[in-house]
Structures are given as structure tokens and as C-alpha cells.
Amino acid sequence: MVVISSYLPEIIALSDRILVARTGRIVAEFDAADATQDKILYAAVH
């Protein structure tokens, strides 16, 4: 299942793997166990 959301608590709670896309490209990948809101936001903007 693919879930697209900007609500990070929901993404972390529902996901096994999190991919961060920026300008149409995957820029980061996290295991949900290792993901934090700070890491995801950093990947999204840098």
C-alpha cells in the first residue's frame, strides 16, 4: 500500500518504510523504526 501524506505522525505510525520525495525524485529512505519527524523534514528540505 502506498500512503501519501504530509502529516508525519500518521506516516510514522502506518509505515514500515518511508520514502521522501522532492521535486519528483526520491531523496531519502528510512525504516519506520529509525525515522523521526526531524530526519524526515530535514530530508524533505535539504
C-alpha atoms as a PDB file:
ATOM      1  CA  MET A   1       0.000   0.000   0.000  1.00  0.00           C
ATOM      2  CA  VAL A   2       1.238   3.494  -0.759  1.00  0.00           C
ATOM      3  CA  VAL A   3       0.289   6.303   1.595  1.00  0.00           C
ATOM      4  CA  ILE A   4       0.958   9.905   0.678  1.00  0.00           C
ATOM      5  CA  SER A   5       0.634  12.400   3.489  1.00  0.00           C
ATOM      6  CA  SER A   6       2.291  15.436   4.986  1.00  0.00           C
ATOM      7  CA  TYR A   7       1.112  14.500   8.485  1.00  0.00           C
ATOM      8  CA  LEU A   8       4.286  12.912   9.829  1.00  0.00           C
ATOM      9  CA  PRO A   9       2.892  11.171  12.947  1.00  0.00           C
ATOM     10  CA  GLU A  10       0.467   9.301  10.675  1.00  0.00           C
ATOM     11  CA  ILE A  11       3.230   8.302   8.261  1.00  0.00           C
ATOM     12  CA  ILE A  12       5.497   7.038  11.034  1.00  0.00           C
ATOM     13  CA  ALA A  13       2.647   5.089  12.672  1.00  0.00           C
ATOM     14  CA  LEU A  14       1.429   3.412   9.459  1.00  0.00           C
ATOM     15  CA  SER A  15       4.663   2.711   7.611  1.00  0.00           C
ATOM     16  CA  ASP A  16       7.312   0.027   7.531  1.00  0.00           C
ATOM     17  CA  ARG A  17       9.429   2.037   5.104  1.00  0.00           C
ATOM     18  CA  ILE A  18       9.328   5.764   4.394  1.00  0.00           C
ATOM     19  CA  LEU A  19      10.492   7.364   1.159  1.00  0.00           C
ATOM     20  CA  VAL A  20      10.924  11.119   0.942  1.00  0.00           C
ATOM     21  CA  ALA A  21      10.414  12.721  -2.466  1.00  0.00           C
ATOM     22  CA  ARG A  22      11.434  16.209  -3.508  1.00  0.00           C
ATOM     23  CA  THR A  23      10.920  17.699  -6.970  1.00  0.00           C
ATOM     24  CA  GLY A  24       9.805  14.346  -8.329  1.00  0.00           C
ATOM     25  CA  ARG A  25      12.782  12.315  -7.080  1.00  0.00           C
ATOM     26  CA  ILE A  26      13.301  10.039  -4.090  1.00  0.00           C
ATOM     27  CA  VAL A  27      15.844  11.811  -1.888  1.00  0.00           C
ATOM     28  CA  ALA A  28      15.777   9.651   1.267  1.00  0.00           C
ATOM     29  CA  GLU A  29      14.619   6.292   2.568  1.00  0.00           C
ATOM     30  CA  PHE A  30      14.040   5.340   6.211  1.00  0.00           C
ATOM     31  CA  ASP A  31      12.908   2.284   8.133  1.00  0.00           C
ATOM     32  CA  ALA A  32       9.970   3.375  10.250  1.00  0.00           C
ATOM     33  CA  ALA A  33      11.821   2.177  13.351  1.00  0.00           C
ATOM     34  CA  ASP A  34      14.646   4.647  12.630  1.00  0.00           C
ATOM     35  CA  ALA A  35      12.564   7.527  11.285  1.00  0.00           C
ATOM     36  CA  THR A  36      11.901  10.675  13.253  1.00  0.00           C
ATOM     37  CA  GLN A  37       9.970  13.749  12.254  1.00  0.00           C
ATOM     38  CA  ASP A  38      13.210  15.746  12.309  1.00  0.00           C
ATOM     39  CA  LYS A  39      15.001  13.325   9.937  1.00  0.00           C
ATOM     40  CA  ILE A  40      12.079  13.273   7.520  1.00  0.00           C
ATOM     41  CA  LEU A  41      11.720  17.070   7.486  1.00  0.00           C
ATOM     42  CA  TYR A  42      15.457  17.540   7.000  1.00  0.00           C
ATOM     43  CA  ALA A  43      15.417  15.183   4.010  1.00  0.00           C
ATOM     44  CA  ALA A  44      12.409  16.973   2.559  1.00  0.00           C
ATOM     45  CA  VAL A  45      14.010  20.417   2.564  1.00  0.00           C
ATOM     46  CA  HIS A  46      17.756  19.802   2.111  1.00  0.00           C
END
